[in-house]
Every structure is written in C-alpha cells, then in structure tokens.
C-alpha cells in the first residue's frame, strides 16, 4: 500500500505496489500541473488528487 503525502490515507498505487495489478487508477485522470518549488509530493490518494485537480485546473468550457 501507498500513503498519501497530503492526508495520510492508504491506497493502492499501480506504479509502486506489487499487489496492485494493471495500470494505476491515476492514469485515468488529467496530469496535475507542476507544484511549487519545494513541494514534497509524489503520490496522492484518489480524493486528494481529485481535489488538487479541481483547485489547479481551469474549469471546463460548457
């Protein structure tokens, strides 16, 4: 299991957890824009990644 660097939740990461099969769930989401220099982040849980994407990506055009 992996641990979210933002909230501490445990989750399965298909990139680093040998028990998780197939591609990681995060490959189905847009890439997170670059974080500010000095940020320590490599992996986020599904809830945190979705929240960060909502905060950093421009809203979709209707």
C-alpha atoms as a PDB file:
ATOM      1  CA  UNK A   1       0.000   0.000   0.000  1.00  0.00           C
ATOM      2  CA  UNK A   2       0.987   3.585  -0.566  1.00  0.00           C
ATOM      3  CA  UNK A   3       0.317   6.504   1.764  1.00  0.00           C
ATOM      4  CA  UNK A   4      -0.979   9.875   0.584  1.00  0.00           C
ATOM      5  CA  UNK A   5       1.531  12.623   1.333  1.00  0.00           C
ATOM      6  CA  UNK A   6      -1.292  15.110   1.790  1.00  0.00           C
ATOM      7  CA  UNK A   7      -3.781  13.372   4.122  1.00  0.00           C
ATOM      8  CA  UNK A   8      -2.040  10.154   5.189  1.00  0.00           C
ATOM      9  CA  UNK A   9      -4.680   7.807   3.736  1.00  0.00           C
ATOM     10  CA  UNK A  10      -3.528   4.409   2.485  1.00  0.00           C
ATOM     11  CA  UNK A  11      -4.342   3.462  -1.104  1.00  0.00           C
ATOM     12  CA  UNK A  12      -3.179   1.108  -3.840  1.00  0.00           C
ATOM     13  CA  UNK A  13      -0.789   2.592  -6.394  1.00  0.00           C
ATOM     14  CA  UNK A  14      -0.369   0.536  -9.546  1.00  0.00           C
ATOM     15  CA  UNK A  15       3.007   2.147 -10.189  1.00  0.00           C
ATOM     16  CA  UNK A  16       4.743   1.049  -6.990  1.00  0.00           C
ATOM     17  CA  UNK A  17       2.600  -1.521  -5.171  1.00  0.00           C
ATOM     18  CA  UNK A  18       3.314  -5.049  -6.405  1.00  0.00           C
ATOM     19  CA  UNK A  19      -0.063  -6.297  -5.101  1.00  0.00           C
ATOM     20  CA  UNK A  20      -1.951  -3.852  -7.373  1.00  0.00           C
ATOM     21  CA  UNK A  21      -2.494  -5.202 -10.866  1.00  0.00           C
ATOM     22  CA  UNK A  22      -2.866  -3.182 -14.034  1.00  0.00           C
ATOM     23  CA  UNK A  23      -2.166   0.494 -14.560  1.00  0.00           C
ATOM     24  CA  UNK A  24      -2.601   2.872 -11.666  1.00  0.00           C
ATOM     25  CA  UNK A  25      -6.033   4.459 -11.181  1.00  0.00           C
ATOM     26  CA  UNK A  26      -4.417   7.900 -11.509  1.00  0.00           C
ATOM     27  CA  UNK A  27      -3.667   7.324 -15.205  1.00  0.00           C
ATOM     28  CA  UNK A  28      -7.391   7.840 -15.842  1.00  0.00           C
ATOM     29  CA  UNK A  29      -7.209  11.431 -14.548  1.00  0.00           C
ATOM     30  CA  UNK A  30      -5.523  14.508 -16.048  1.00  0.00           C
ATOM     31  CA  UNK A  31      -1.958  15.189 -15.007  1.00  0.00           C
ATOM     32  CA  UNK A  32      -1.507  17.513 -12.071  1.00  0.00           C
ATOM     33  CA  UNK A  33       0.253  20.740 -13.100  1.00  0.00           C
ATOM     34  CA  UNK A  34       3.705  21.283 -11.624  1.00  0.00           C
ATOM     35  CA  UNK A  35       3.695  22.014  -7.920  1.00  0.00           C
ATOM     36  CA  UNK A  36       5.590  24.994  -6.489  1.00  0.00           C
ATOM     37  CA  UNK A  37       9.301  24.521  -5.877  1.00  0.00           C
ATOM     38  CA  UNK A  38       9.967  22.879  -2.550  1.00  0.00           C
ATOM     39  CA  UNK A  39       6.732  20.887  -2.553  1.00  0.00           C
ATOM     40  CA  UNK A  40       7.236  17.301  -1.495  1.00  0.00           C
ATOM     41  CA  UNK A  41       4.748  15.236  -3.459  1.00  0.00           C
ATOM     42  CA  UNK A  42       4.943  12.024  -5.371  1.00  0.00           C
ATOM     43  CA  UNK A  43       1.600  10.307  -4.875  1.00  0.00           C
ATOM     44  CA  UNK A  44      -1.838  11.350  -3.647  1.00  0.00           C
ATOM     45  CA  UNK A  45      -4.895   9.287  -2.743  1.00  0.00           C
ATOM     46  CA  UNK A  46      -7.860   9.472  -5.150  1.00  0.00           C
ATOM     47  CA  UNK A  47      -9.732  12.045  -3.021  1.00  0.00           C
ATOM     48  CA  UNK A  48      -6.734  14.377  -2.639  1.00  0.00           C
ATOM     49  CA  UNK A  49      -5.715  14.145  -6.286  1.00  0.00           C
ATOM     50  CA  UNK A  50      -9.251  14.997  -7.428  1.00  0.00           C
ATOM     51  CA  UNK A  51      -9.370  17.937  -5.005  1.00  0.00           C
ATOM     52  CA  UNK A  52      -5.978  19.236  -6.168  1.00  0.00           C
ATOM     53  CA  UNK A  53      -7.041  18.920  -9.800  1.00  0.00           C
ATOM     54  CA  UNK A  54     -10.222  20.904  -9.091  1.00  0.00           C
ATOM     55  CA  UNK A  55      -8.131  23.629  -7.433  1.00  0.00           C
ATOM     56  CA  UNK A  56      -5.461  23.883 -10.130  1.00  0.00           C
ATOM     57  CA  UNK A  57      -7.111  23.154 -13.479  1.00  0.00           C
ATOM     58  CA  UNK A  58      -9.215  25.776 -15.232  1.00  0.00           C
ATOM     59  CA  UNK A  59     -12.951  24.976 -15.341  1.00  0.00           C
ATOM     60  CA  UNK A  60     -14.157  23.105 -18.409  1.00  0.00           C
ATOM     61  CA  UNK A  61     -15.835  25.186 -21.086  1.00  0.00           C
ATOM     62  CA  UNK A  62     -19.570  24.304 -21.230  1.00  0.00           C
END
